[in-house]
Amino acid sequence: MLRAVVIAVTAILMCAAIALIAHGAGTPGWQLLGVSLVVLLGTLFERWRYRRVNERHDGEWHRTSERFLDPATGQPGDVLFNPRTGERRYVTGDAQRNDPPS
């Protein structure tokens, strides 16, 4: 929900920036366009970069000694580490039973 609101507000700001540029207010228009573009790209990048907690785990994953509580569900979870890539993943609930302990 919040993500959709941020994208909608950013789209409105980009339209306002284009209107400013078209009416001769170049500097404020370009500044507004740049800021709104950064916010839009950041919002889209966030979805790609930060994945869901219970995603499929292909490859060589090892459990670490770290534990956490999922703030959304309150379930305890484990941290998995892939030594080949250095990536870390966070699993809770049913996903824990599918991963072999290391």
PDB file of N, CA and C in Angstrom:
ATOM      1  N   MET A   1       0.824  -1.195   0.000  1.00  0.00           N
ATOM      2  CA  MET A   1       0.000   0.000   0.000  1.00  0.00           C
ATOM      3  C   MET A   1       0.870   1.260   0.000  1.00  0.00           C
ATOM      4  N   LEU A   2       1.821   1.314   0.935  1.00  0.00           N
ATOM      5  CA  LEU A   2       2.691   2.488   1.014  1.00  0.00           C
ATOM      6  C   LEU A   2       3.509   2.648  -0.267  1.00  0.00           C
ATOM      7  N   ARG A   3       3.959   1.518  -0.801  1.00  0.00           N
ATOM      8  CA  ARG A   3       4.744   1.566  -2.034  1.00  0.00           C
ATOM      9  C   ARG A   3       3.925   2.176  -3.172  1.00  0.00           C
ATOM     10  N   ALA A   4       2.659   1.800  -3.281  1.00  0.00           N
ATOM     11  CA  ALA A   4       1.790   2.337  -4.327  1.00  0.00           C
ATOM     12  C   ALA A   4       1.568   3.830  -4.139  1.00  0.00           C
ATOM     13  N   VAL A   5       1.426   4.269  -2.901  1.00  0.00           N
ATOM     14  CA  VAL A   5       1.241   5.701  -2.619  1.00  0.00           C
ATOM     15  C   VAL A   5       2.497   6.478  -3.013  1.00  0.00           C
ATOM     16  N   VAL A   6       3.667   5.942  -2.669  1.00  0.00           N
ATOM     17  CA  VAL A   6       4.924   6.623  -3.011  1.00  0.00           C
ATOM     18  C   VAL A   6       5.072   6.728  -4.523  1.00  0.00           C
ATOM     19  N   ILE A   7       4.750   5.662  -5.251  1.00  0.00           N
ATOM     20  CA  ILE A   7       4.853   5.699  -6.714  1.00  0.00           C
ATOM     21  C   ILE A   7       3.857   6.698  -7.299  1.00  0.00           C
ATOM     22  N   ALA A   8       2.636   6.747  -6.762  1.00  0.00           N
ATOM     23  CA  ALA A   8       1.622   7.689  -7.263  1.00  0.00           C
ATOM     24  C   ALA A   8       2.045   9.136  -7.007  1.00  0.00           C
ATOM     25  N   VAL A   9       2.536   9.418  -5.807  1.00  0.00           N
ATOM     26  CA  VAL A   9       2.977  10.782  -5.489  1.00  0.00           C
ATOM     27  C   VAL A   9       4.165  11.165  -6.365  1.00  0.00           C
ATOM     28  N   THR A  10       5.062  10.224  -6.592  1.00  0.00           N
ATOM     29  CA  THR A  10       6.220  10.486  -7.451  1.00  0.00           C
ATOM     30  C   THR A  10       5.777  10.787  -8.878  1.00  0.00           C
ATOM     31  N   ALA A  11       4.780  10.074  -9.375  1.00  0.00           N
ATOM     32  CA  ALA A  11       4.265  10.334 -10.727  1.00  0.00           C
ATOM     33  C   ALA A  11       3.666  11.739 -10.820  1.00  0.00           C
ATOM     34  N   ILE A  12       2.933  12.147  -9.790  1.00  0.00           N
ATOM     35  CA  ILE A  12       2.361  13.498  -9.762  1.00  0.00           C
ATOM     36  C   ILE A  12       3.467  14.548  -9.744  1.00  0.00           C
ATOM     37  N   LEU A  13       4.500  14.311  -8.942  1.00  0.00           N
ATOM     38  CA  LEU A  13       5.621  15.258  -8.877  1.00  0.00           C
ATOM     39  C   LEU A  13       6.365  15.335 -10.207  1.00  0.00           C
ATOM     40  N   MET A  14       6.492  14.211 -10.898  1.00  0.00           N
ATOM     41  CA  MET A  14       7.156  14.229 -12.204  1.00  0.00           C
ATOM     42  C   MET A  14       6.335  15.031 -13.214  1.00  0.00           C
ATOM     43  N   CYS A  15       5.009  14.895 -13.164  1.00  0.00           N
ATOM     44  CA  CYS A  15       4.151  15.691 -14.052  1.00  0.00           C
ATOM     45  C   CYS A  15       4.280  17.181 -13.734  1.00  0.00           C
ATOM     46  N   ALA A  16       4.344  17.517 -12.454  1.00  0.00           N
ATOM     47  CA  ALA A  16       4.523  18.917 -12.060  1.00  0.00           C
ATOM     48  C   ALA A  16       5.878  19.440 -12.533  1.00  0.00           C
ATOM     49  N   ALA A  17       6.900  18.602 -12.451  1.00  0.00           N
ATOM     50  CA  ALA A  17       8.229  19.016 -12.911  1.00  0.00           C
ATOM     51  C   ALA A  17       8.228  19.274 -14.414  1.00  0.00           C
ATOM     52  N   ILE A  18       7.575  18.414 -15.176  1.00  0.00           N
ATOM     53  CA  ILE A  18       7.508  18.612 -16.623  1.00  0.00           C
ATOM     54  C   ILE A  18       6.733  19.883 -16.954  1.00  0.00           C
ATOM     55  N   ALA A  19       5.669  20.154 -16.203  1.00  0.00           N
ATOM     56  CA  ALA A  19       4.900  21.388 -16.420  1.00  0.00           C
ATOM     57  C   ALA A  19       5.751  22.614 -16.107  1.00  0.00           C
ATOM     58  N   LEU A  20       6.541  22.558 -15.033  1.00  0.00           N
ATOM     59  CA  LEU A  20       7.427  23.681 -14.701  1.00  0.00           C
ATOM     60  C   LEU A  20       8.445  23.921 -15.813  1.00  0.00           C
ATOM     61  N   ILE A  21       9.030  22.850 -16.318  1.00  0.00           N
ATOM     62  CA  ILE A  21      10.022  22.984 -17.385  1.00  0.00           C
ATOM     63  C   ILE A  21       9.367  23.561 -18.643  1.00  0.00           C
ATOM     64  N   ALA A  22       8.160  23.092 -18.959  1.00  0.00           N
ATOM     65  CA  ALA A  22       7.463  23.565 -20.155  1.00  0.00           C
ATOM     66  C   ALA A  22       7.076  25.037 -20.059  1.00  0.00           C
ATOM     67  N   HIS A  23       6.846  25.536 -18.847  1.00  0.00           N
ATOM     68  CA  HIS A  23       6.442  26.937 -18.665  1.00  0.00           C
ATOM     69  C   HIS A  23       7.609  27.875 -18.360  1.00  0.00           C
ATOM     70  N   GLY A  24       8.820  27.384 -18.547  1.00  0.00           N
ATOM     71  CA  GLY A  24       9.983  28.245 -18.448  1.00  0.00           C
ATOM     72  C   GLY A  24      10.681  28.282 -17.097  1.00  0.00           C
ATOM     73  N   ALA A  25      10.204  27.560 -16.102  1.00  0.00           N
ATOM     74  CA  ALA A  25      10.878  27.507 -14.795  1.00  0.00           C
ATOM     75  C   ALA A  25      11.821  26.309 -14.803  1.00  0.00           C
ATOM     76  N   GLY A  26      12.895  26.434 -15.554  1.00  0.00           N
ATOM     77  CA  GLY A  26      13.790  25.310 -15.793  1.00  0.00           C
ATOM     78  C   GLY A  26      14.477  24.748 -14.575  1.00  0.00           C
ATOM     79  N   THR A  27      15.121  25.616 -13.778  1.00  0.00           N
ATOM     80  CA  THR A  27      15.891  25.115 -12.632  1.00  0.00           C
ATOM     81  C   THR A  27      15.022  24.398 -11.614  1.00  0.00           C
ATOM     82  N   PRO A  28      13.927  24.988 -11.116  1.00  0.00           N
ATOM     83  CA  PRO A  28      13.105  24.228 -10.163  1.00  0.00           C
ATOM     84  C   PRO A  28      12.477  22.978 -10.787  1.00  0.00           C
ATOM     85  N   GLY A  29      12.138  23.055 -12.056  1.00  0.00           N
ATOM     86  CA  GLY A  29      11.557  21.898 -12.735  1.00  0.00           C
ATOM     87  C   GLY A  29      12.529  20.742 -12.832  1.00  0.00           C
ATOM     88  N   TRP A  30      13.770  21.038 -13.221  1.00  0.00           N
ATOM     89  CA  TRP A  30      14.782  19.983 -13.318  1.00  0.00           C
ATOM     90  C   TRP A  30      15.117  19.411 -11.943  1.00  0.00           C
ATOM     91  N   GLN A  31      15.159  20.279 -10.930  1.00  0.00           N
ATOM     92  CA  GLN A  31      15.431  19.781  -9.577  1.00  0.00           C
ATOM     93  C   GLN A  31      14.319  18.849  -9.101  1.00  0.00           C
ATOM     94  N   LEU A  32      13.073  19.247  -9.311  1.00  0.00           N
ATOM     95  CA  LEU A  32      11.943  18.414  -8.912  1.00  0.00           C
ATOM     96  C   LEU A  32      11.928  17.108  -9.701  1.00  0.00           C
ATOM     97  N   LEU A  33      12.239  17.171 -10.979  1.00  0.00           N
ATOM     98  CA  LEU A  33      12.288  15.965 -11.798  1.00  0.00           C
ATOM     99  C   LEU A  33      13.389  15.019 -11.308  1.00  0.00           C
ATOM    100  N   GLY A  34      14.544  15.565 -10.974  1.00  0.00           N
ATOM    101  CA  GLY A  34      15.653  14.739 -10.478  1.00  0.00           C
ATOM    102  C   GLY A  34      15.330  14.067  -9.158  1.00  0.00           C
ATOM    103  N   VAL A  35      14.758  14.829  -8.223  1.00  0.00           N
ATOM    104  CA  VAL A  35      14.422  14.267  -6.914  1.00  0.00           C
ATOM    105  C   VAL A  35      13.349  13.192  -7.059  1.00  0.00           C
ATOM    106  N   SER A  36      12.315  13.466  -7.848  1.00  0.00           N
ATOM    107  CA  SER A  36      11.249  12.474  -8.006  1.00  0.00           C
ATOM    108  C   SER A  36      11.754  11.227  -8.722  1.00  0.00           C
ATOM    109  N   LEU A  37      12.680  11.378  -9.658  1.00  0.00           N
ATOM    110  CA  LEU A  37      13.251  10.227 -10.332  1.00  0.00           C
ATOM    111  C   LEU A  37      14.069   9.368  -9.365  1.00  0.00           C
ATOM    112  N   VAL A  38      14.834  10.013  -8.482  1.00  0.00           N
ATOM    113  CA  VAL A  38      15.609   9.277  -7.471  1.00  0.00           C
ATOM    114  C   VAL A  38      14.675   8.507  -6.535  1.00  0.00           C
ATOM    115  N   VAL A  39      13.594   9.133  -6.102  1.00  0.00           N
ATOM    116  CA  VAL A  39      12.634   8.456  -5.216  1.00  0.00           C
ATOM    117  C   VAL A  39      11.984   7.277  -5.941  1.00  0.00           C
ATOM    118  N   LEU A  40      11.606   7.462  -7.200  1.00  0.00           N
ATOM    119  CA  LEU A  40      10.991   6.381  -7.972  1.00  0.00           C
ATOM    120  C   LEU A  40      11.951   5.215  -8.147  1.00  0.00           C
ATOM    121  N   LEU A  41      13.174   5.496  -8.548  1.00  0.00           N
ATOM    122  CA  LEU A  41      14.158   4.429  -8.727  1.00  0.00           C
ATOM    123  C   LEU A  41      14.465   3.730  -7.414  1.00  0.00           C
ATOM    124  N   GLY A  42      14.552   4.489  -6.323  1.00  0.00           N
ATOM    125  CA  GLY A  42      14.790   3.882  -5.013  1.00  0.00           C
ATOM    126  C   GLY A  42      13.660   2.965  -4.600  1.00  0.00           C
ATOM    127  N   THR A  43      12.432   3.365  -4.871  1.00  0.00           N
ATOM    128  CA  THR A  43      11.277   2.544  -4.524  1.00  0.00           C
ATOM    129  C   THR A  43      11.258   1.264  -5.356  1.00  0.00           C
ATOM    130  N   LEU A  44      11.556   1.357  -6.643  1.00  0.00           N
ATOM    131  CA  LEU A  44      11.584   0.175  -7.496  1.00  0.00           C
ATOM    132  C   LEU A  44      12.766  -0.727  -7.159  1.00  0.00           C
ATOM    133  N   PHE A  45      13.923  -0.150  -6.837  1.00  0.00           N
ATOM    134  CA  PHE A  45      15.118  -0.917  -6.471  1.00  0.00           C
ATOM    135  C   PHE A  45      14.891  -1.667  -5.170  1.00  0.00           C
ATOM    136  N   GLU A  46      14.164  -1.072  -4.248  1.00  0.00           N
ATOM    137  CA  GLU A  46      13.905  -1.703  -2.950  1.00  0.00           C
ATOM    138  C   GLU A  46      13.162  -3.014  -3.143  1.00  0.00           C
ATOM    139  N   ARG A  47      12.217  -3.080  -4.031  1.00  0.00           N
ATOM    140  CA  ARG A  47      11.449  -4.306  -4.259  1.00  0.00           C
ATOM    141  C   ARG A  47      12.346  -5.396  -4.825  1.00  0.00           C
ATOM    142  N   TRP A  48      13.277  -5.011  -5.704  1.00  0.00           N
ATOM    143  CA  TRP A  48      14.160  -5.993  -6.319  1.00  0.00           C
ATOM    144  C   TRP A  48      15.218  -6.470  -5.330  1.00  0.00           C
ATOM    145  N   ARG A  49      15.754  -5.563  -4.531  1.00  0.00           N
ATOM    146  CA  ARG A  49      16.882  -5.889  -3.657  1.00  0.00           C
ATOM    147  C   ARG A  49      16.479  -6.694  -2.433  1.00  0.00           C
ATOM    148  N   TYR A  50      15.413  -6.318  -1.776  1.00  0.00           N
ATOM    149  CA  TYR A  50      15.008  -6.976  -0.545  1.00  0.00           C
ATOM    150  C   TYR A  50      13.895  -7.960  -0.843  1.00  0.00           C
ATOM    151  N   ARG A  51      14.226  -9.236  -0.766  1.00  0.00           N
ATOM    152  CA  ARG A  51      13.288 -10.292  -1.133  1.00  0.00           C
ATOM    153  C   ARG A  51      12.486 -10.745   0.070  1.00  0.00           C
ATOM    154  N   ARG A  52      11.461 -11.550  -0.206  1.00  0.00           N
ATOM    155  CA  ARG A  52      10.627 -12.103   0.852  1.00  0.00           C
ATOM    156  C   ARG A  52      11.433 -13.040   1.744  1.00  0.00           C
ATOM    157  N   VAL A  53      10.957 -13.211   2.956  1.00  0.00           N
ATOM    158  CA  VAL A  53      11.662 -14.030   3.936  1.00  0.00           C
ATOM    159  C   VAL A  53      11.693 -15.499   3.534  1.00  0.00           C
ATOM    160  N   ASN A  54      10.597 -16.061   3.071  1.00  0.00           N
ATOM    161  CA  ASN A  54      10.517 -17.493   2.787  1.00  0.00           C
ATOM    162  C   ASN A  54      10.663 -17.810   1.304  1.00  0.00           C
ATOM    163  N   GLU A  55      11.723 -17.341   0.703  1.00  0.00           N
ATOM    164  CA  GLU A  55      11.979 -17.591  -0.703  1.00  0.00           C
ATOM    165  C   GLU A  55      12.681 -18.941  -0.876  1.00  0.00           C
ATOM    166  N   ARG A  56      12.573 -19.537  -2.049  1.00  0.00           N
ATOM    167  CA  ARG A  56      13.210 -20.818  -2.318  1.00  0.00           C
ATOM    168  C   ARG A  56      14.730 -20.683  -2.209  1.00  0.00           C
ATOM    169  N   HIS A  57      15.389 -21.727  -1.709  1.00  0.00           N
ATOM    170  CA  HIS A  57      16.828 -21.669  -1.435  1.00  0.00           C
ATOM    171  C   HIS A  57      17.578 -22.690  -2.291  1.00  0.00           C
ATOM    172  N   ASP A  58      17.946 -22.302  -3.504  1.00  0.00           N
ATOM    173  CA  ASP A  58      18.741 -23.175  -4.357  1.00  0.00           C
ATOM    174  C   ASP A  58      20.209 -22.887  -4.107  1.00  0.00           C
ATOM    175  N   GLY A  59      21.016 -23.919  -4.165  1.00  0.00           N
ATOM    176  CA  GLY A  59      22.443 -23.727  -3.994  1.00  0.00           C
ATOM    177  C   GLY A  59      22.935 -24.264  -2.663  1.00  0.00           C
ATOM    178  N   GLU A  60      24.126 -23.902  -2.321  1.00  0.00           N
ATOM    179  CA  GLU A  60      24.797 -24.388  -1.114  1.00  0.00           C
ATOM    180  C   GLU A  60      24.551 -23.417   0.042  1.00  0.00           C
ATOM    181  N   TRP A  61      23.536 -23.674   0.846  1.00  0.00           N
ATOM    182  CA  TRP A  61      23.165 -22.802   1.947  1.00  0.00           C
ATOM    183  C   TRP A  61      23.468 -23.484   3.273  1.00  0.00           C
ATOM    184  N   HIS A  62      24.062 -22.728   4.193  1.00  0.00           N
ATOM    185  CA  HIS A  62      24.402 -23.244   5.519  1.00  0.00           C
ATOM    186  C   HIS A  62      23.710 -22.381   6.567  1.00  0.00           C
ATOM    187  N   ARG A  63      23.152 -23.049   7.577  1.00  0.00           N
ATOM    188  CA  ARG A  63      22.568 -22.291   8.692  1.00  0.00           C
ATOM    189  C   ARG A  63      23.689 -21.694   9.531  1.00  0.00           C
ATOM    190  N   THR A  64      23.467 -20.483   9.981  1.00  0.00           N
ATOM    191  CA  THR A  64      24.396 -19.857  10.914  1.00  0.00           C
ATOM    192  C   THR A  64      23.817 -20.000  12.319  1.00  0.00           C
ATOM    193  N   SER A  65      24.533 -19.532  13.307  1.00  0.00           N
ATOM    194  CA  SER A  65      24.031 -19.607  14.680  1.00  0.00           C
ATOM    195  C   SER A  65      23.084 -18.450  14.995  1.00  0.00           C
ATOM    196  N   GLU A  66      22.857 -17.581  14.032  1.00  0.00           N
ATOM    197  CA  GLU A  66      21.983 -16.426  14.251  1.00  0.00           C
ATOM    198  C   GLU A  66      20.517 -16.830  14.187  1.00  0.00           C
ATOM    199  N   ARG A  67      19.707 -16.248  15.062  1.00  0.00           N
ATOM    200  CA  ARG A  67      18.261 -16.451  15.093  1.00  0.00           C
ATOM    201  C   ARG A  67      17.598 -15.075  15.130  1.00  0.00           C
ATOM    202  N   PHE A  68      16.347 -14.989  14.678  1.00  0.00           N
ATOM    203  CA  PHE A  68      15.618 -13.732  14.701  1.00  0.00           C
ATOM    204  C   PHE A  68      14.135 -14.023  14.825  1.00  0.00           C
ATOM    205  N   LEU A  69      13.376 -12.998  15.175  1.00  0.00           N
ATOM    206  CA  LEU A  69      11.915 -13.077  15.190  1.00  0.00           C
ATOM    207  C   LEU A  69      11.390 -12.258  14.021  1.00  0.00           C
ATOM    208  N   ASP A  70      10.566 -12.890  13.195  1.00  0.00           N
ATOM    209  CA  ASP A  70       9.975 -12.199  12.057  1.00  0.00           C
ATOM    210  C   ASP A  70       8.995 -11.157  12.591  1.00  0.00           C
ATOM    211  N   PRO A  71       9.218  -9.866  12.313  1.00  0.00           N
ATOM    212  CA  PRO A  71       8.337  -8.838  12.864  1.00  0.00           C
ATOM    213  C   PRO A  71       6.904  -8.918  12.343  1.00  0.00           C
ATOM    214  N   ALA A  72       6.695  -9.491  11.164  1.00  0.00           N
ATOM    215  CA  ALA A  72       5.348  -9.564  10.598  1.00  0.00           C
ATOM    216  C   ALA A  72       4.515 -10.675  11.247  1.00  0.00           C
ATOM    217  N   THR A  73       5.159 -11.840  11.494  1.00  0.00           N
ATOM    218  CA  THR A  73       4.407 -12.987  12.010  1.00  0.00           C
ATOM    219  C   THR A  73       4.746 -13.333  13.446  1.00  0.00           C
ATOM    220  N   GLY A  74       5.881 -12.872  13.951  1.00  0.00           N
ATOM    221  CA  GLY A  74       6.321 -13.211  15.301  1.00  0.00           C
ATOM    222  C   GLY A  74       6.953 -14.582  15.394  1.00  0.00           C
ATOM    223  N   GLN A  75       7.148 -15.278  14.252  1.00  0.00           N
ATOM    224  CA  GLN A  75       7.751 -16.604  14.255  1.00  0.00           C
ATOM    225  C   GLN A  75       9.270 -16.499  14.346  1.00  0.00           C
ATOM    226  N   PRO A  76       9.913 -17.463  15.032  1.00  0.00           N
ATOM    227  CA  PRO A  76      11.380 -17.475  15.056  1.00  0.00           C
ATOM    228  C   PRO A  76      11.916 -17.911  13.698  1.00  0.00           C
ATOM    229  N   GLY A  77      13.091 -17.448  13.372  1.00  0.00           N
ATOM    230  CA  GLY A  77      13.681 -17.788  12.086  1.00  0.00           C
ATOM    231  C   GLY A  77      15.172 -18.008  12.178  1.00  0.00           C
ATOM    232  N   ASP A  78      15.727 -18.548  11.109  1.00  0.00           N
ATOM    233  CA  ASP A  78      17.160 -18.803  11.000  1.00  0.00           C
ATOM    234  C   ASP A  78      17.759 -17.961   9.892  1.00  0.00           C
ATOM    235  N   VAL A  79      19.062 -17.758   9.970  1.00  0.00           N
ATOM    236  CA  VAL A  79      19.799 -17.056   8.925  1.00  0.00           C
ATOM    237  C   VAL A  79      20.606 -18.097   8.167  1.00  0.00           C
ATOM    238  N   LEU A  80      20.464 -18.119   6.828  1.00  0.00           N
ATOM    239  CA  LEU A  80      21.229 -19.017   5.975  1.00  0.00           C
ATOM    240  C   LEU A  80      22.310 -18.212   5.259  1.00  0.00           C
ATOM    241  N   PHE A  81      23.447 -18.867   4.993  1.00  0.00           N
ATOM    242  CA  PHE A  81      24.581 -18.200   4.373  1.00  0.00           C
ATOM    243  C   PHE A  81      25.072 -19.055   3.211  1.00  0.00           C
ATOM    244  N   ASN A  82      25.327 -18.417   2.067  1.00  0.00           N
ATOM    245  CA  ASN A  82      25.890 -19.097   0.907  1.00  0.00           C
ATOM    246  C   ASN A  82      27.349 -18.683   0.796  1.00  0.00           C
ATOM    247  N   PRO A  83      28.296 -19.583   1.118  1.00  0.00           N
ATOM    248  CA  PRO A  83      29.715 -19.193   1.102  1.00  0.00           C
ATOM    249  C   PRO A  83      30.246 -18.871  -0.287  1.00  0.00           C
ATOM    250  N   ARG A  84      29.591 -19.402  -1.335  1.00  0.00           N
ATOM    251  CA  ARG A  84      30.058 -19.126  -2.697  1.00  0.00           C
ATOM    252  C   ARG A  84      29.801 -17.687  -3.103  1.00  0.00           C
ATOM    253  N   THR A  85      28.612 -17.166  -2.759  1.00  0.00           N
ATOM    254  CA  THR A  85      28.243 -15.817  -3.180  1.00  0.00           C
ATOM    255  C   THR A  85      28.321 -14.790  -2.055  1.00  0.00           C
ATOM    256  N   GLY A  86      28.332 -15.264  -0.796  1.00  0.00           N
ATOM    257  CA  GLY A  86      28.318 -14.344   0.338  1.00  0.00           C
ATOM    258  C   GLY A  86      26.928 -13.845   0.687  1.00  0.00           C
ATOM    259  N   GLU A  87      25.905 -14.364  -0.015  1.00  0.00           N
ATOM    260  CA  GLU A  87      24.534 -13.913   0.215  1.00  0.00           C
ATOM    261  C   GLU A  87      23.985 -14.509   1.506  1.00  0.00           C
ATOM    262  N   ARG A  88      23.102 -13.759   2.147  1.00  0.00           N
ATOM    263  CA  ARG A  88      22.429 -14.215   3.364  1.00  0.00           C
ATOM    264  C   ARG A  88      20.928 -14.223   3.095  1.00  0.00           C
ATOM    265  N   ARG A  89      20.230 -15.229   3.641  1.00  0.00           N
ATOM    266  CA  ARG A  89      18.774 -15.315   3.520  1.00  0.00           C
ATOM    267  C   ARG A  89      18.189 -15.591   4.890  1.00  0.00           C
ATOM    268  N   TYR A  90      16.972 -15.164   5.060  1.00  0.00           N
ATOM    269  CA  TYR A  90      16.286 -15.287   6.334  1.00  0.00           C
ATOM    270  C   TYR A  90      15.055 -16.162   6.140  1.00  0.00           C
ATOM    271  N   VAL A  91      14.944 -17.262   6.893  1.00  0.00           N
ATOM    272  CA  VAL A  91      13.830 -18.192   6.721  1.00  0.00           C
ATOM    273  C   VAL A  91      13.085 -18.370   8.043  1.00  0.00           C
ATOM    274  N   THR A  92      11.767 -18.558   7.939  1.00  0.00           N
ATOM    275  CA  THR A  92      10.933 -18.804   9.110  1.00  0.00           C
ATOM    276  C   THR A  92       9.970 -19.934   8.802  1.00  0.00           C
ATOM    277  N   GLY A  93       9.360 -20.484   9.803  1.00  0.00           N
ATOM    278  CA  GLY A  93       8.260 -21.438   9.667  1.00  0.00           C
ATOM    279  C   GLY A  93       8.597 -22.667   8.864  1.00  0.00           C
ATOM    280  N   ASP A  94       7.749 -22.985   7.860  1.00  0.00           N
ATOM    281  CA  ASP A  94       7.876 -24.211   7.067  1.00  0.00           C
ATOM    282  C   ASP A  94       9.164 -24.253   6.259  1.00  0.00           C
ATOM    283  N   ALA A  95       9.687 -23.121   5.868  1.00  0.00           N
ATOM    284  CA  ALA A  95      10.908 -23.098   5.064  1.00  0.00           C
ATOM    285  C   ALA A  95      12.091 -23.650   5.847  1.00  0.00           C
ATOM    286  N   GLN A  96      12.065 -23.549   7.168  1.00  0.00           N
ATOM    287  CA  GLN A  96      13.150 -24.068   7.997  1.00  0.00           C
ATOM    288  C   GLN A  96      13.222 -25.581   7.888  1.00  0.00           C
ATOM    289  N   ARG A  97      12.083 -26.257   7.846  1.00  0.00           N
ATOM    290  CA  ARG A  97      12.066 -27.722   7.825  1.00  0.00           C
ATOM    291  C   ARG A  97      12.571 -28.268   6.494  1.00  0.00           C
ATOM    292  N   ASN A  98      12.535 -27.480   5.426  1.00  0.00           N
ATOM    293  CA  ASN A  98      12.961 -27.943   4.114  1.00  0.00           C
ATOM    294  C   ASN A  98      14.459 -27.812   3.891  1.00  0.00           C
ATOM    295  N   ASP A  99      15.129 -27.024   4.708  1.00  0.00           N
ATOM    296  CA  ASP A  99      16.570 -26.800   4.541  1.00  0.00           C
ATOM    297  C   ASP A  99      17.336 -27.702   5.485  1.00  0.00           C
ATOM    298  N   PRO A 100      18.333 -28.446   4.972  1.00  0.00           N
ATOM    299  CA  PRO A 100      19.106 -29.294   5.865  1.00  0.00           C
ATOM    300  C   PRO A 100      20.029 -28.466   6.741  1.00  0.00           C
ATOM    301  N   PRO A 101      20.177 -28.816   8.010  1.00  0.00           N
ATOM    302  CA  PRO A 101      21.097 -28.074   8.871  1.00  0.00           C
ATOM    303  C   PRO A 101      22.530 -28.359   8.472  1.00  0.00           C
ATOM    304  N   SER A 102      23.415 -27.396   8.712  1.00  0.00           N
ATOM    305  CA  SER A 102      24.820 -27.604   8.358  1.00  0.00           C
ATOM    306  C   SER A 102      25.645 -27.815   9.600  1.00  0.00           C
TER     307      SER A 102
END
